[in-house]
Amino acid sequence: MAETPFPQLAEKFEIQAYKRPRDLHTLVKTHVPFSGAPRKHPYDAHKVIIVPDPYSTSAFYFEFNARDISYAEELPSLVNLKGETVAMARIWVKKKSLGVRCAPFVVEETKAFGG
């Protein structure tokens, strides 16, 4: 069975049309950008997952409430060596919003020092 670095049930998230803010300087002051491959949350329709580097072997992802995202920009897609593409986006999340950073890992015992 192949291991995957991020949730498989998270499907591709089509970027919704967001109206471009009139004042980008205000957006920069009130929001923080996150770039990556957007995905639907596997069990909560009100949340969004973004995978910063979907082809990395040490993948992690961010999880945000959709209501905290004020603007999204499409970025150039990534292509792997097999020719498969992943859509990328930059999302602007309101400052002081609650986000989750998830870094999956394999549970193993560590060797004792000097043993």
Protein backbone atom coordinates (compact mmCIF):
# COMPACT_ATOMS: atom_id res chain seq x y z
CA MET A 1 0.00 0.00 0.00
CA ALA A 2 1.46 3.36 -1.02
CA GLU A 3 1.85 5.98 1.67
CA THR A 4 0.66 9.52 0.97
CA PRO A 5 1.83 12.66 2.75
CA PHE A 6 -1.60 14.34 2.96
CA PRO A 7 -5.26 13.26 3.19
CA GLN A 8 -6.48 11.30 0.17
CA LEU A 9 -10.16 12.11 0.72
CA ALA A 10 -9.46 15.79 0.16
CA GLU A 11 -10.60 16.40 -3.40
CA LYS A 12 -9.52 19.15 -5.77
CA PHE A 13 -10.94 22.49 -4.69
CA GLU A 14 -12.13 24.63 -7.57
CA ILE A 15 -11.19 28.23 -6.90
CA GLN A 16 -14.26 30.32 -6.42
CA ALA A 17 -14.41 33.71 -8.07
CA TYR A 18 -13.42 36.36 -5.55
CA LYS A 19 -13.82 40.02 -6.34
CA ARG A 20 -10.43 41.69 -6.51
CA PRO A 21 -10.04 44.14 -3.61
CA ARG A 22 -10.02 47.79 -4.58
CA ASP A 23 -7.16 48.60 -2.25
CA LEU A 24 -4.37 46.01 -2.27
CA HIS A 25 -2.41 48.00 0.33
CA THR A 26 -5.22 47.48 2.85
CA LEU A 27 -5.37 43.77 2.00
CA VAL A 28 -1.66 43.42 2.79
CA LYS A 29 -2.19 45.13 6.16
CA THR A 30 -5.20 43.02 7.17
CA HIS A 31 -4.45 39.61 5.61
CA VAL A 32 -1.65 37.06 5.24
CA PRO A 33 -1.09 35.18 1.94
CA PHE A 34 -0.65 31.39 1.77
CA SER A 35 0.26 29.66 -1.51
CA GLY A 36 -0.29 26.06 -2.44
CA ALA A 37 -2.66 23.47 -3.88
CA PRO A 38 -6.18 24.09 -2.53
CA ARG A 39 -8.23 21.03 -1.53
CA LYS A 40 -11.70 20.44 -0.13
CA HIS A 41 -11.71 19.43 3.50
CA PRO A 42 -12.59 15.70 3.74
CA TYR A 43 -15.49 16.14 6.19
CA ASP A 44 -16.13 19.86 6.81
CA ALA A 45 -17.50 21.90 3.89
CA HIS A 46 -16.76 25.14 5.77
CA LYS A 47 -12.98 24.55 5.79
CA VAL A 48 -10.27 24.66 3.14
CA ILE A 49 -6.97 22.77 3.03
CA ILE A 50 -3.95 24.19 1.22
CA VAL A 51 -0.87 22.05 0.53
CA PRO A 52 2.15 24.35 0.00
CA ASP A 53 4.29 21.80 -1.87
CA PRO A 54 2.12 18.88 -3.05
CA TYR A 55 5.03 16.95 -4.62
CA SER A 56 7.32 17.13 -1.58
CA THR A 57 8.19 13.97 0.33
CA SER A 58 7.84 15.86 3.62
CA ALA A 59 4.42 17.33 2.96
CA PHE A 60 2.35 19.33 5.40
CA TYR A 61 -0.81 21.34 4.96
CA PHE A 62 -2.73 24.28 6.35
CA GLU A 63 -6.41 24.25 7.25
CA PHE A 64 -8.53 27.42 7.35
CA ASN A 65 -12.18 28.35 7.76
CA ALA A 66 -13.50 29.37 4.35
CA ARG A 67 -15.12 32.49 5.86
CA ASP A 68 -11.63 33.76 6.85
CA ILE A 69 -10.45 33.76 3.21
CA SER A 70 -11.16 37.12 1.58
CA TYR A 71 -9.38 36.76 -1.74
CA ALA A 72 -7.87 34.00 -3.89
CA GLU A 73 -5.54 34.26 -6.88
CA GLU A 74 -4.79 31.51 -9.36
CA LEU A 75 -1.08 30.76 -9.72
CA PRO A 76 0.71 28.74 -12.41
CA SER A 77 0.13 24.99 -12.03
CA LEU A 78 2.92 22.62 -10.97
CA VAL A 79 3.91 19.69 -13.20
CA ASN A 80 5.70 16.56 -11.95
CA LEU A 81 8.07 14.32 -13.95
CA LYS A 82 5.13 12.15 -15.07
CA GLY A 83 3.38 15.16 -16.61
CA GLU A 84 0.65 15.32 -13.94
CA THR A 85 -0.42 18.84 -12.99
CA VAL A 86 -1.66 20.36 -9.76
CA ALA A 87 -3.53 23.68 -9.70
CA MET A 88 -1.97 26.24 -7.37
CA ALA A 89 -3.46 29.32 -5.71
CA ARG A 90 -2.60 32.13 -3.33
CA ILE A 91 -5.25 32.70 -0.68
CA TRP A 92 -5.46 35.75 1.56
CA VAL A 93 -6.48 34.88 5.12
CA LYS A 94 -7.62 37.50 7.65
CA LYS A 95 -5.07 38.23 10.36
CA LYS A 96 -5.94 36.84 13.83
CA SER A 97 -7.91 33.98 12.22
CA LEU A 98 -7.45 30.49 13.58
CA GLY A 99 -5.60 28.12 11.26
CA VAL A 100 -4.19 24.63 11.70
CA ARG A 101 -0.79 23.50 10.44
CA CYS A 102 -0.68 19.73 10.10
CA ALA A 103 2.51 17.76 9.58
CA PRO A 104 1.84 14.01 9.30
CA PHE A 105 4.53 11.64 10.59
CA VAL A 106 5.13 7.93 11.14
CA VAL A 107 5.03 6.87 14.79
CA GLU A 108 8.16 4.93 15.73
CA GLU A 109 10.29 4.46 18.80
CA THR A 110 13.52 6.39 18.89
CA LYS A 111 16.83 4.81 19.88
CA ALA A 112 18.13 5.69 23.32
CA PHE A 113 21.27 7.85 23.40
CA GLY A 114 24.40 5.80 23.82
CA GLY A 115 22.48 2.53 23.41
